[in-house]
Amino acid sequence: MTGYGRAVETVNGREFTVELRSVNNRYLDCSVKLPRILSFAEDAVKQAVKAQVSRGKVDVFITLRSEAGDEAQVTLNEGVLKGYLDAMHRMVEQYGIKDDIQVSTLARMPEVFQIEKPQVDEEQLLQDLKQVVACALQSYDAMRCTEGAAMEQDLRNRAETILQYVSIVEQGNGQTVTDYRARLEAKLREVLENTAIDESRILTEAAIFADKVAVDEETVRLRSHIKQMDEMLTAGGAIGRKLDFLLQEMNREANTIGSKCTDVRLARVVVDIKAELEKIREQTQNIE
């Protein structure tokens, strides 16, 4: 969702400069700053951005420079000026006021100058502007594609790291049950000494423990979520919100695995899984 794009083009004698800058945001928030002569085009620019960007706070800056012939024409309103001068001269003659009439004084009088603005073809102006906006959006997308490719690779690498951690948990979980059974049997032998040990009772207790610490379902779902993330990255498009939701599910599975792990070593591995998921979540905030 972060990006920058810029385009400068001269169309029909007018130089347009369009800049787009975006930062992370949960939804699309587009603001457009443009000269007054283009104020009518604000909504059209927002729609053009919306068609290509779905998330982020996007600021669009537009400037316009016209050739000299397109500028406003200023002419002297001689009739009004003569009226002001005649009135001022009468003030001097009739009331003995000092004659200090200056050009700067007359220039401040209302309607001394006539300003004629050329007729603007708003429809043509809008089409010209949209052409440059489209170029700026292409530049913006090109930058995001480059950054997105690097981000995609980072997410895939982190997903692979999580899968490696999951394999460690799966292997260690079975060993945890085996170790528990050995400790249970040793404890019973110590307590009962020479009394015969009920093997069925040991098996039952071990089975109950195994059920409590079993993480098979969670690891299977976590692997499934990671595969789904891989498919989303391959498909491309606006997947930011989907990844947000998927990461919530992945964190839920990791938390459940952590609550079931009684082995300190495996608990540390689960912490590593959560750390990788958090890094993925941070990266996801940059994905549209």
C-alpha atoms as a PDB file:
ATOM      1  CA  MET A   1       0.000   0.000   0.000  1.00  0.00           C
ATOM      2  CA  THR A   2       2.979   2.267   0.120  1.00  0.00           C
ATOM      3  CA  GLY A   3       4.022   3.723  -3.197  1.00  0.00           C
ATOM      4  CA  TYR A   4       4.935   6.726  -5.298  1.00  0.00           C
ATOM      5  CA  GLY A   5       4.208   7.675  -8.879  1.00  0.00           C
ATOM      6  CA  ARG A   6       4.782  10.807 -10.950  1.00  0.00           C
ATOM      7  CA  ALA A   7       4.003  11.955 -14.464  1.00  0.00           C
ATOM      8  CA  VAL A   8       4.662  15.248 -16.264  1.00  0.00           C
ATOM      9  CA  GLU A   9       3.141  15.751 -19.698  1.00  0.00           C
ATOM     10  CA  THR A  10       2.220  18.644 -21.942  1.00  0.00           C
ATOM     11  CA  VAL A  11      -1.174  18.164 -23.558  1.00  0.00           C
ATOM     12  CA  ASN A  12      -2.813  20.767 -25.818  1.00  0.00           C
ATOM     13  CA  GLY A  13      -0.462  23.492 -24.663  1.00  0.00           C
ATOM     14  CA  ARG A  14      -0.875  22.790 -20.959  1.00  0.00           C
ATOM     15  CA  GLU A  15       1.743  21.121 -18.750  1.00  0.00           C
ATOM     16  CA  PHE A  16       0.227  18.784 -16.173  1.00  0.00           C
ATOM     17  CA  THR A  17       2.203  17.387 -13.235  1.00  0.00           C
ATOM     18  CA  VAL A  18       0.571  14.561 -11.271  1.00  0.00           C
ATOM     19  CA  GLU A  19       2.138  12.990  -8.172  1.00  0.00           C
ATOM     20  CA  LEU A  20       0.720  10.106  -6.128  1.00  0.00           C
ATOM     21  CA  ARG A  21       1.963   9.120  -2.690  1.00  0.00           C
ATOM     22  CA  SER A  22       0.458   6.463  -0.470  1.00  0.00           C
ATOM     23  CA  VAL A  23       1.008   5.048   3.001  1.00  0.00           C
ATOM     24  CA  ASN A  24      -0.592   2.177   4.872  1.00  0.00           C
ATOM     25  CA  ASN A  25      -4.254   2.377   5.750  1.00  0.00           C
ATOM     26  CA  ARG A  26      -6.918  -0.213   6.420  1.00  0.00           C
ATOM     27  CA  TYR A  27      -9.238   1.257   3.800  1.00  0.00           C
ATOM     28  CA  LEU A  28      -8.860   3.531   0.782  1.00  0.00           C
ATOM     29  CA  ASP A  29      -8.608   7.196   1.729  1.00  0.00           C
ATOM     30  CA  CYS A  30      -7.883   9.377  -1.284  1.00  0.00           C
ATOM     31  CA  SER A  31      -7.331  13.126  -1.114  1.00  0.00           C
ATOM     32  CA  VAL A  32      -6.699  15.324  -4.157  1.00  0.00           C
ATOM     33  CA  LYS A  33      -5.034  18.730  -4.189  1.00  0.00           C
ATOM     34  CA  LEU A  34      -5.347  20.622  -7.460  1.00  0.00           C
ATOM     35  CA  PRO A  35      -5.560  24.226  -8.774  1.00  0.00           C
ATOM     36  CA  ARG A  36      -8.888  26.017  -8.746  1.00  0.00           C
ATOM     37  CA  ILE A  37      -9.258  25.827 -12.499  1.00  0.00           C
ATOM     38  CA  LEU A  38      -9.322  22.018 -12.167  1.00  0.00           C
ATOM     39  CA  SER A  39     -11.584  21.838  -9.110  1.00  0.00           C
ATOM     40  CA  PHE A  40     -14.360  20.283 -11.204  1.00  0.00           C
ATOM     41  CA  ALA A  41     -12.092  17.267 -11.889  1.00  0.00           C
ATOM     42  CA  GLU A  42     -11.565  16.202  -8.256  1.00  0.00           C
ATOM     43  CA  ASP A  43     -14.168  13.426  -8.264  1.00  0.00           C
ATOM     44  CA  ALA A  44     -12.976  12.063 -11.615  1.00  0.00           C
ATOM     45  CA  VAL A  45      -9.410  11.818 -10.285  1.00  0.00           C
ATOM     46  CA  LYS A  46     -10.607   9.992  -7.166  1.00  0.00           C
ATOM     47  CA  GLN A  47     -12.526   7.523  -9.304  1.00  0.00           C
ATOM     48  CA  ALA A  48      -9.436   6.872 -11.441  1.00  0.00           C
ATOM     49  CA  VAL A  49      -7.417   6.123  -8.300  1.00  0.00           C
ATOM     50  CA  LYS A  50     -10.174   3.950  -6.860  1.00  0.00           C
ATOM     51  CA  ALA A  51     -10.235   1.852 -10.032  1.00  0.00           C
ATOM     52  CA  GLN A  52      -6.616   0.775  -9.437  1.00  0.00           C
ATOM     53  CA  VAL A  53      -6.063   1.092  -5.681  1.00  0.00           C
ATOM     54  CA  SER A  54      -8.194  -0.595  -3.027  1.00  0.00           C
ATOM     55  CA  ARG A  55      -6.324   0.202   0.213  1.00  0.00           C
ATOM     56  CA  GLY A  56      -4.054   2.917   1.564  1.00  0.00           C
ATOM     57  CA  LYS A  57      -4.052   6.635   2.253  1.00  0.00           C
ATOM     58  CA  VAL A  58      -3.374   8.107  -1.175  1.00  0.00           C
ATOM     59  CA  ASP A  59      -2.493  11.772  -1.669  1.00  0.00           C
ATOM     60  CA  VAL A  60      -2.673  13.139  -5.218  1.00  0.00           C
ATOM     61  CA  PHE A  61      -0.984  16.441  -6.059  1.00  0.00           C
ATOM     62  CA  ILE A  62      -1.775  18.125  -9.387  1.00  0.00           C
ATOM     63  CA  THR A  63      -0.307  21.283 -10.851  1.00  0.00           C
ATOM     64  CA  LEU A  64      -1.089  22.966 -14.161  1.00  0.00           C
ATOM     65  CA  ARG A  65       0.974  25.388 -16.178  1.00  0.00           C
ATOM     66  CA  SER A  66      -0.602  26.962 -19.254  1.00  0.00           C
ATOM     67  CA  GLU A  67       1.070  28.646 -22.191  1.00  0.00           C
ATOM     68  CA  ALA A  68       0.898  32.482 -22.277  1.00  0.00           C
ATOM     69  CA  GLY A  69      -1.997  32.663 -24.718  1.00  0.00           C
ATOM     70  CA  ASP A  70      -4.178  30.739 -22.317  1.00  0.00           C
ATOM     71  CA  GLU A  71      -3.756  33.214 -19.474  1.00  0.00           C
ATOM     72  CA  ALA A  72      -6.224  35.878 -18.369  1.00  0.00           C
ATOM     73  CA  GLN A  73      -6.111  39.208 -20.297  1.00  0.00           C
ATOM     74  CA  VAL A  74      -6.004  42.419 -18.250  1.00  0.00           C
ATOM     75  CA  THR A  75      -7.097  45.692 -19.931  1.00  0.00           C
ATOM     76  CA  LEU A  76      -7.567  49.246 -18.696  1.00  0.00           C
ATOM     77  CA  ASN A  77     -11.151  50.419 -18.249  1.00  0.00           C
ATOM     78  CA  GLU A  78     -10.535  53.935 -19.542  1.00  0.00           C
ATOM     79  CA  GLY A  79     -14.047  55.209 -18.964  1.00  0.00           C
ATOM     80  CA  VAL A  80     -13.960  54.293 -15.272  1.00  0.00           C
ATOM     81  CA  LEU A  81     -10.417  55.648 -14.904  1.00  0.00           C
ATOM     82  CA  LYS A  82     -11.431  59.004 -16.459  1.00  0.00           C
ATOM     83  CA  GLY A  83     -14.349  59.220 -14.048  1.00  0.00           C
ATOM     84  CA  TYR A  84     -12.037  58.705 -11.039  1.00  0.00           C
ATOM     85  CA  LEU A  85      -9.548  61.329 -12.319  1.00  0.00           C
ATOM     86  CA  ASP A  86     -12.250  63.938 -12.983  1.00  0.00           C
ATOM     87  CA  ALA A  87     -13.715  63.443  -9.511  1.00  0.00           C
ATOM     88  CA  MET A  88     -10.281  63.715  -7.864  1.00  0.00           C
ATOM     89  CA  HIS A  89      -9.411  66.891  -9.773  1.00  0.00           C
ATOM     90  CA  ARG A  90     -12.694  68.443  -8.625  1.00  0.00           C
ATOM     91  CA  MET A  91     -11.759  67.547  -5.038  1.00  0.00           C
ATOM     92  CA  VAL A  92      -8.445  69.412  -5.472  1.00  0.00           C
ATOM     93  CA  GLU A  93     -10.051  72.518  -7.064  1.00  0.00           C
ATOM     94  CA  GLN A  94     -13.087  72.839  -4.825  1.00  0.00           C
ATOM     95  CA  TYR A  95     -11.627  71.902  -1.454  1.00  0.00           C
ATOM     96  CA  GLY A  96      -7.982  72.865  -1.756  1.00  0.00           C
ATOM     97  CA  ILE A  97      -6.785  69.347  -1.173  1.00  0.00           C
ATOM     98  CA  LYS A  98      -3.192  68.554  -2.095  1.00  0.00           C
ATOM     99  CA  ASP A  99      -2.940  66.950  -5.506  1.00  0.00           C
ATOM    100  CA  ASP A 100      -1.043  63.695  -4.787  1.00  0.00           C
ATOM    101  CA  ILE A 101      -2.780  61.424  -7.250  1.00  0.00           C
ATOM    102  CA  GLN A 102      -0.562  58.459  -8.150  1.00  0.00           C
ATOM    103  CA  VAL A 103      -0.863  55.403 -10.343  1.00  0.00           C
ATOM    104  CA  SER A 104      -0.786  53.129  -7.292  1.00  0.00           C
ATOM    105  CA  THR A 105      -3.789  54.998  -5.883  1.00  0.00           C
ATOM    106  CA  LEU A 106      -5.806  54.712  -9.053  1.00  0.00           C
ATOM    107  CA  ALA A 107      -4.882  51.045  -9.547  1.00  0.00           C
ATOM    108  CA  ARG A 108      -6.598  50.171  -6.255  1.00  0.00           C
ATOM    109  CA  MET A 109      -9.895  51.683  -7.348  1.00  0.00           C
ATOM    110  CA  PRO A 110     -12.703  49.225  -8.178  1.00  0.00           C
ATOM    111  CA  GLU A 111     -13.167  48.246 -11.830  1.00  0.00           C
ATOM    112  CA  VAL A 112     -10.201  50.261 -13.112  1.00  0.00           C
ATOM    113  CA  PHE A 113      -8.994  47.078 -14.757  1.00  0.00           C
ATOM    114  CA  GLN A 114     -11.002  44.592 -16.759  1.00  0.00           C
ATOM    115  CA  ILE A 115      -9.968  40.956 -16.480  1.00  0.00           C
ATOM    116  CA  GLU A 116     -11.045  38.669 -19.264  1.00  0.00           C
ATOM    117  CA  LYS A 117     -10.536  34.968 -18.725  1.00  0.00           C
ATOM    118  CA  PRO A 118     -10.512  32.677 -21.743  1.00  0.00           C
ATOM    119  CA  GLN A 119     -13.369  30.235 -22.058  1.00  0.00           C
ATOM    120  CA  VAL A 120     -12.271  26.852 -20.716  1.00  0.00           C
ATOM    121  CA  ASP A 121     -13.424  23.647 -22.366  1.00  0.00           C
ATOM    122  CA  GLU A 122     -13.812  21.636 -19.176  1.00  0.00           C
ATOM    123  CA  GLU A 123     -14.544  18.388 -20.994  1.00  0.00           C
ATOM    124  CA  GLN A 124     -11.314  18.598 -23.012  1.00  0.00           C
ATOM    125  CA  LEU A 125      -9.366  19.723 -19.961  1.00  0.00           C
ATOM    126  CA  LEU A 126     -10.660  16.734 -18.013  1.00  0.00           C
ATOM    127  CA  GLN A 127      -9.675  14.296 -20.744  1.00  0.00           C
ATOM    128  CA  ASP A 128      -6.191  15.776 -20.898  1.00  0.00           C
ATOM    129  CA  LEU A 129      -5.808  15.529 -17.133  1.00  0.00           C
ATOM    130  CA  LYS A 130      -7.057  11.934 -16.986  1.00  0.00           C
ATOM    131  CA  GLN A 131      -4.443  11.000 -19.568  1.00  0.00           C
ATOM    132  CA  VAL A 132      -1.650  12.251 -17.293  1.00  0.00           C
ATOM    133  CA  VAL A 133      -3.264  10.715 -14.184  1.00  0.00           C
ATOM    134  CA  ALA A 134      -3.243   7.340 -15.959  1.00  0.00           C
ATOM    135  CA  CYS A 135       0.505   7.706 -16.625  1.00  0.00           C
ATOM    136  CA  ALA A 136       1.147   8.585 -12.971  1.00  0.00           C
ATOM    137  CA  LEU A 137      -0.828   5.526 -11.884  1.00  0.00           C
ATOM    138  CA  GLN A 138       1.274   3.340 -14.183  1.00  0.00           C
ATOM    139  CA  SER A 139       4.419   4.697 -12.549  1.00  0.00           C
ATOM    140  CA  TYR A 140       2.853   4.141  -9.134  1.00  0.00           C
ATOM    141  CA  ASP A 141       1.958   0.522  -9.967  1.00  0.00           C
ATOM    142  CA  ALA A 142       5.429  -0.184 -11.355  1.00  0.00           C
ATOM    143  CA  MET A 143       7.016   0.830  -8.064  1.00  0.00           C
ATOM    144  CA  ARG A 144       4.542  -1.213  -6.065  1.00  0.00           C
ATOM    145  CA  CYS A 145       5.136  -4.273  -8.261  1.00  0.00           C
ATOM    146  CA  THR A 146       8.873  -4.119  -7.616  1.00  0.00           C
ATOM    147  CA  GLU A 147       8.347  -3.735  -3.888  1.00  0.00           C
ATOM    148  CA  GLY A 148       5.592  -6.353  -3.910  1.00  0.00           C
ATOM    149  CA  ALA A 149       7.839  -8.989  -5.504  1.00  0.00           C
ATOM    150  CA  ALA A 150      10.387  -8.596  -2.716  1.00  0.00           C
ATOM    151  CA  MET A 151       7.632  -8.686  -0.113  1.00  0.00           C
ATOM    152  CA  GLU A 152       6.126 -11.838  -1.615  1.00  0.00           C
ATOM    153  CA  GLN A 153       9.476 -13.620  -1.423  1.00  0.00           C
ATOM    154  CA  ASP A 154       9.877 -12.568   2.200  1.00  0.00           C
ATOM    155  CA  LEU A 155       6.427 -13.946   3.082  1.00  0.00           C
ATOM    156  CA  ARG A 156       7.163 -17.242   1.343  1.00  0.00           C
ATOM    157  CA  ASN A 157      10.465 -17.555   3.210  1.00  0.00           C
ATOM    158  CA  ARG A 158       8.771 -16.945   6.547  1.00  0.00           C
ATOM    159  CA  ALA A 159       6.033 -19.447   5.713  1.00  0.00           C
ATOM    160  CA  GLU A 160       8.702 -22.052   4.952  1.00  0.00           C
ATOM    161  CA  THR A 161      10.369 -21.299   8.288  1.00  0.00           C
ATOM    162  CA  ILE A 162       7.055 -21.824  10.085  1.00  0.00           C
ATOM    163  CA  LEU A 163       6.582 -25.186   8.355  1.00  0.00           C
ATOM    164  CA  GLN A 164      10.006 -26.259   9.610  1.00  0.00           C
ATOM    165  CA  TYR A 165       9.020 -25.275  13.149  1.00  0.00           C
ATOM    166  CA  VAL A 166       5.733 -27.169  12.779  1.00  0.00           C
ATOM    167  CA  SER A 167       7.651 -30.307  11.809  1.00  0.00           C
ATOM    168  CA  ILE A 168       9.758 -29.966  14.971  1.00  0.00           C
ATOM    169  CA  VAL A 169       6.589 -29.666  17.076  1.00  0.00           C
ATOM    170  CA  GLU A 170       5.007 -32.695  15.404  1.00  0.00           C
ATOM    171  CA  GLN A 171       8.083 -34.846  15.971  1.00  0.00           C
ATOM    172  CA  GLY A 172       8.630 -33.609  19.504  1.00  0.00           C
ATOM    173  CA  ASN A 173       5.007 -34.076  20.500  1.00  0.00           C
ATOM    174  CA  GLY A 174       5.222 -37.852  20.017  1.00  0.00           C
ATOM    175  CA  GLN A 175       8.428 -37.954  22.039  1.00  0.00           C
ATOM    176  CA  THR A 176       6.696 -36.009  24.812  1.00  0.00           C
ATOM    177  CA  VAL A 177       4.123 -38.787  25.232  1.00  0.00           C
ATOM    178  CA  THR A 178       6.864 -41.440  25.243  1.00  0.00           C
ATOM    179  CA  ASP A 179       8.825 -39.534  27.873  1.00  0.00           C
ATOM    180  CA  TYR A 180       5.687 -39.075  29.976  1.00  0.00           C
ATOM    181  CA  ARG A 181       4.978 -42.802  29.940  1.00  0.00           C
ATOM    182  CA  ALA A 182       8.562 -43.570  30.985  1.00  0.00           C
ATOM    183  CA  ARG A 183       8.396 -41.070  33.846  1.00  0.00           C
ATOM    184  CA  LEU A 184       5.003 -42.418  34.949  1.00  0.00           C
ATOM    185  CA  GLU A 185       6.248 -46.006  34.967  1.00  0.00           C
ATOM    186  CA  ALA A 186       9.399 -45.042  36.871  1.00  0.00           C
ATOM    187  CA  LYS A 187       7.364 -43.144  39.446  1.00  0.00           C
ATOM    188  CA  LEU A 188       4.998 -46.059  39.968  1.00  0.00           C
ATOM    189  CA  ARG A 189       7.910 -48.465  40.405  1.00  0.00           C
ATOM    190  CA  GLU A 190       9.396 -46.157  42.967  1.00  0.00           C
ATOM    191  CA  VAL A 191       6.140 -45.902  44.906  1.00  0.00           C
ATOM    192  CA  LEU A 192       5.007 -49.506  44.612  1.00  0.00           C
ATOM    193  CA  GLU A 193       8.515 -50.969  44.895  1.00  0.00           C
ATOM    194  CA  ASN A 194       8.113 -54.749  44.562  1.00  0.00           C
ATOM    195  CA  THR A 195       4.382 -54.705  43.842  1.00  0.00           C
ATOM    196  CA  ALA A 196       3.388 -55.696  40.337  1.00  0.00           C
ATOM    197  CA  ILE A 197       2.545 -52.715  38.097  1.00  0.00           C
ATOM    198  CA  ASP A 198      -0.710 -52.667  36.187  1.00  0.00           C
ATOM    199  CA  GLU A 199       0.436 -52.119  32.620  1.00  0.00           C
ATOM    200  CA  SER A 200      -3.096 -51.383  31.471  1.00  0.00           C
ATOM    201  CA  ARG A 201      -3.304 -48.502  33.940  1.00  0.00           C
ATOM    202  CA  ILE A 202      -0.075 -47.045  32.582  1.00  0.00           C
ATOM    203  CA  LEU A 203      -1.408 -47.346  29.038  1.00  0.00           C
ATOM    204  CA  THR A 204      -4.663 -45.664  30.058  1.00  0.00           C
ATOM    205  CA  GLU A 205      -2.892 -42.756  31.771  1.00  0.00           C
ATOM    206  CA  ALA A 206      -0.528 -42.351  28.833  1.00  0.00           C
ATOM    207  CA  ALA A 207      -3.474 -42.340  26.432  1.00  0.00           C
ATOM    208  CA  ILE A 208      -5.258 -39.655  28.462  1.00  0.00           C
ATOM    209  CA  PHE A 209      -2.118 -37.537  28.529  1.00  0.00           C
ATOM    210  CA  ALA A 210      -1.542 -38.057  24.814  1.00  0.00           C
ATOM    211  CA  ASP A 211      -5.055 -36.842  24.091  1.00  0.00           C
ATOM    212  CA  LYS A 212      -4.513 -33.712  26.172  1.00  0.00           C
ATOM    213  CA  VAL A 213      -1.267 -32.750  24.469  1.00  0.00           C
ATOM    214  CA  ALA A 214      -2.093 -33.923  20.943  1.00  0.00           C
ATOM    215  CA  VAL A 215      -1.589 -31.106  18.431  1.00  0.00           C
ATOM    216  CA  ASP A 216      -2.185 -33.067  15.236  1.00  0.00           C
ATOM    217  CA  GLU A 217      -5.397 -31.246  14.347  1.00  0.00           C
ATOM    218  CA  GLU A 218      -3.842 -27.842  14.971  1.00  0.00           C
ATOM    219  CA  THR A 219      -0.685 -28.524  12.969  1.00  0.00           C
ATOM    220  CA  VAL A 220      -2.730 -29.919  10.079  1.00  0.00           C
ATOM    221  CA  ARG A 221      -4.876 -26.774  10.032  1.00  0.00           C
ATOM    222  CA  LEU A 222      -1.804 -24.555  10.331  1.00  0.00           C
ATOM    223  CA  ARG A 223      -0.213 -26.303   7.354  1.00  0.00           C
ATOM    224  CA  SER A 224      -3.466 -25.877   5.446  1.00  0.00           C
ATOM    225  CA  HIS A 225      -3.534 -22.143   6.212  1.00  0.00           C
ATOM    226  CA  ILE A 226       0.057 -21.737   5.032  1.00  0.00           C
ATOM    227  CA  LYS A 227      -0.787 -23.547   1.805  1.00  0.00           C
ATOM    228  CA  GLN A 228      -3.765 -21.235   1.351  1.00  0.00           C
ATOM    229  CA  MET A 229      -1.501 -18.208   1.866  1.00  0.00           C
ATOM    230  CA  ASP A 230       0.832 -19.572  -0.802  1.00  0.00           C
ATOM    231  CA  GLU A 231      -2.103 -19.909  -3.205  1.00  0.00           C
ATOM    232  CA  MET A 232      -3.197 -16.331  -2.475  1.00  0.00           C
ATOM    233  CA  LEU A 233       0.287 -14.990  -3.193  1.00  0.00           C
ATOM    234  CA  THR A 234       0.408 -16.943  -6.433  1.00  0.00           C
ATOM    235  CA  ALA A 235      -3.029 -15.700  -7.522  1.00  0.00           C
ATOM    236  CA  GLY A 236      -2.102 -12.073  -6.728  1.00  0.00           C
ATOM    237  CA  GLY A 237      -4.590  -9.218  -6.708  1.00  0.00           C
ATOM    238  CA  ALA A 238      -5.938  -7.378  -3.668  1.00  0.00           C
ATOM    239  CA  ILE A 239      -5.396 -10.037  -0.994  1.00  0.00           C
ATOM    240  CA  GLY A 240      -4.537  -7.870   2.013  1.00  0.00           C
ATOM    241  CA  ARG A 241      -7.842  -8.296   3.858  1.00  0.00           C
ATOM    242  CA  LYS A 242      -7.932 -12.047   3.160  1.00  0.00           C
ATOM    243  CA  LEU A 243      -4.435 -12.415   4.548  1.00  0.00           C
ATOM    244  CA  ASP A 244      -5.463 -10.441   7.641  1.00  0.00           C
ATOM    245  CA  PHE A 245      -8.235 -12.922   8.323  1.00  0.00           C
ATOM    246  CA  LEU A 246      -6.050 -15.941   7.524  1.00  0.00           C
ATOM    247  CA  LEU A 247      -3.368 -14.750   9.947  1.00  0.00           C
ATOM    248  CA  GLN A 248      -5.946 -14.547  12.713  1.00  0.00           C
ATOM    249  CA  GLU A 249      -6.722 -18.220  12.141  1.00  0.00           C
ATOM    250  CA  MET A 250      -3.018 -19.115  12.056  1.00  0.00           C
ATOM    251  CA  ASN A 251      -2.407 -17.302  15.328  1.00  0.00           C
ATOM    252  CA  ARG A 252      -5.348 -19.128  16.877  1.00  0.00           C
ATOM    253  CA  GLU A 253      -3.831 -22.491  15.958  1.00  0.00           C
ATOM    254  CA  ALA A 254      -0.409 -21.435  17.247  1.00  0.00           C
ATOM    255  CA  ASN A 255      -1.913 -20.340  20.565  1.00  0.00           C
ATOM    256  CA  THR A 256      -3.707 -23.671  20.934  1.00  0.00           C
ATOM    257  CA  ILE A 257      -0.509 -25.577  20.185  1.00  0.00           C
ATOM    258  CA  GLY A 258       1.311 -23.472  22.764  1.00  0.00           C
ATOM    259  CA  SER A 259      -1.294 -24.209  25.430  1.00  0.00           C
ATOM    260  CA  LYS A 260      -0.899 -27.956  24.850  1.00  0.00           C
ATOM    261  CA  CYS A 261       2.903 -28.075  24.816  1.00  0.00           C
ATOM    262  CA  THR A 262       4.264 -29.220  28.175  1.00  0.00           C
ATOM    263  CA  ASP A 263       7.819 -29.596  26.888  1.00  0.00           C
ATOM    264  CA  VAL A 264       9.853 -26.410  27.409  1.00  0.00           C
ATOM    265  CA  ARG A 265      11.815 -26.967  24.204  1.00  0.00           C
ATOM    266  CA  LEU A 266       8.637 -27.239  22.143  1.00  0.00           C
ATOM    267  CA  ALA A 267       7.176 -24.213  23.904  1.00  0.00           C
ATOM    268  CA  ARG A 268      10.154 -22.211  22.673  1.00  0.00           C
ATOM    269  CA  VAL A 269       9.554 -23.437  19.144  1.00  0.00           C
ATOM    270  CA  VAL A 270       5.933 -22.271  19.387  1.00  0.00           C
ATOM    271  CA  VAL A 271       7.201 -18.843  20.451  1.00  0.00           C
ATOM    272  CA  ASP A 272       9.335 -18.820  17.293  1.00  0.00           C
ATOM    273  CA  ILE A 273       6.240 -19.686  15.228  1.00  0.00           C
ATOM    274  CA  LYS A 274       4.352 -16.778  16.798  1.00  0.00           C
ATOM    275  CA  ALA A 275       7.269 -14.433  16.127  1.00  0.00           C
ATOM    276  CA  GLU A 276       7.258 -15.359  12.427  1.00  0.00           C
ATOM    277  CA  LEU A 277       3.493 -14.904  12.253  1.00  0.00           C
ATOM    278  CA  GLU A 278       3.841 -11.454  13.789  1.00  0.00           C
ATOM    279  CA  LYS A 279       6.425 -10.494  11.162  1.00  0.00           C
ATOM    280  CA  ILE A 280       4.067 -11.728   8.451  1.00  0.00           C
ATOM    281  CA  ARG A 281       1.256  -9.686   9.995  1.00  0.00           C
ATOM    282  CA  GLU A 282       3.421  -6.556   9.893  1.00  0.00           C
ATOM    283  CA  GLN A 283       4.217  -7.167   6.232  1.00  0.00           C
ATOM    284  CA  THR A 284       0.557  -7.797   5.486  1.00  0.00           C
ATOM    285  CA  GLN A 285      -0.221  -4.226   6.528  1.00  0.00           C
ATOM    286  CA  ASN A 286       1.693  -3.164   3.401  1.00  0.00           C
ATOM    287  CA  ILE A 287      -0.347  -5.396   1.092  1.00  0.00           C
ATOM    288  CA  GLU A 288      -3.321  -3.998  -0.766  1.00  0.00           C
END
